[in-house]
């Protein structure tokens, strides 16, 4: 699955997250980390067959399922 590259620093770490990691959100379910901002938010790709969905989520709400 291709990962959308929005950050020029692909290996940017925020806590234990990296771009491309698969994460689990309590209500939005499974997604892929796409980018980070400076205040602790993570841009997550929750897209599936029904359409495209990117959301900014606080890193404390995410659980890492698999790492790149």
Protein backbone atom coordinates (compact mmCIF):
# COMPACT_ATOMS: atom_id res chain seq x y z
CA UNK A 1 0.00 0.00 0.00
CA UNK A 2 1.62 3.30 -1.05
CA UNK A 3 2.09 5.92 1.64
CA UNK A 4 1.35 9.58 0.93
CA UNK A 5 4.54 11.55 1.51
CA UNK A 6 3.69 14.99 2.93
CA UNK A 7 6.80 15.50 5.03
CA UNK A 8 10.29 15.91 3.64
CA UNK A 9 11.57 14.09 6.75
CA UNK A 10 10.27 10.55 6.13
CA UNK A 11 11.74 9.09 9.31
CA UNK A 12 10.41 11.84 11.59
CA UNK A 13 9.63 10.28 14.97
CA UNK A 14 7.02 11.45 17.42
CA UNK A 15 7.12 9.27 20.52
CA UNK A 16 7.32 5.78 18.94
CA UNK A 17 5.53 6.62 15.67
CA UNK A 18 7.04 6.83 12.18
CA UNK A 19 5.55 7.71 8.80
CA UNK A 20 4.11 4.52 7.32
CA UNK A 21 3.28 2.82 10.63
CA UNK A 22 -0.14 1.17 10.85
CA UNK A 23 -2.09 2.52 13.83
CA UNK A 24 -5.42 1.88 15.55
CA UNK A 25 -7.75 4.71 16.63
CA UNK A 26 -10.59 3.99 19.10
CA UNK A 27 -13.40 5.28 16.82
CA UNK A 28 -11.88 5.68 13.33
CA UNK A 29 -10.25 2.22 13.49
CA UNK A 30 -7.21 1.24 11.37
CA UNK A 31 -5.06 3.80 9.53
CA UNK A 32 -1.56 4.65 8.29
CA UNK A 33 0.57 7.53 9.63
CA UNK A 34 1.12 10.12 6.86
CA UNK A 35 2.69 13.17 8.57
CA UNK A 36 3.37 14.99 11.86
CA UNK A 37 3.02 18.55 13.12
CA UNK A 38 4.88 20.41 15.86
CA UNK A 39 2.22 20.28 18.57
CA UNK A 40 1.75 16.52 18.84
CA UNK A 41 -0.82 15.80 16.16
CA UNK A 42 -0.47 13.04 13.61
CA UNK A 43 -2.02 13.04 10.12
CA UNK A 44 -3.50 9.58 9.63
CA UNK A 45 -4.81 8.05 6.40
CA UNK A 46 -8.05 6.19 7.17
CA UNK A 47 -8.93 5.66 3.47
CA UNK A 48 -10.63 2.47 2.29
CA UNK A 49 -12.69 1.23 -0.68
CA UNK A 50 -15.50 3.67 0.06
CA UNK A 51 -13.35 6.82 -0.21
CA UNK A 52 -10.44 8.94 1.00
CA UNK A 53 -10.26 10.09 4.63
CA UNK A 54 -7.32 11.86 6.28
CA UNK A 55 -7.65 13.18 9.83
CA UNK A 56 -5.39 14.99 12.31
CA UNK A 57 -5.34 12.93 15.52
CA UNK A 58 -3.49 13.48 18.81
CA UNK A 59 -0.72 10.92 19.21
CA UNK A 60 -2.05 9.78 22.61
CA UNK A 61 -5.20 8.38 20.96
CA UNK A 62 -3.25 6.06 18.64
CA UNK A 63 -1.92 2.56 19.24
CA UNK A 64 0.79 1.17 16.92
CA UNK A 65 -0.25 -2.09 15.23
CA UNK A 66 2.75 -2.60 12.94
CA UNK A 67 5.92 -0.63 12.28
CA UNK A 68 7.68 0.11 9.00
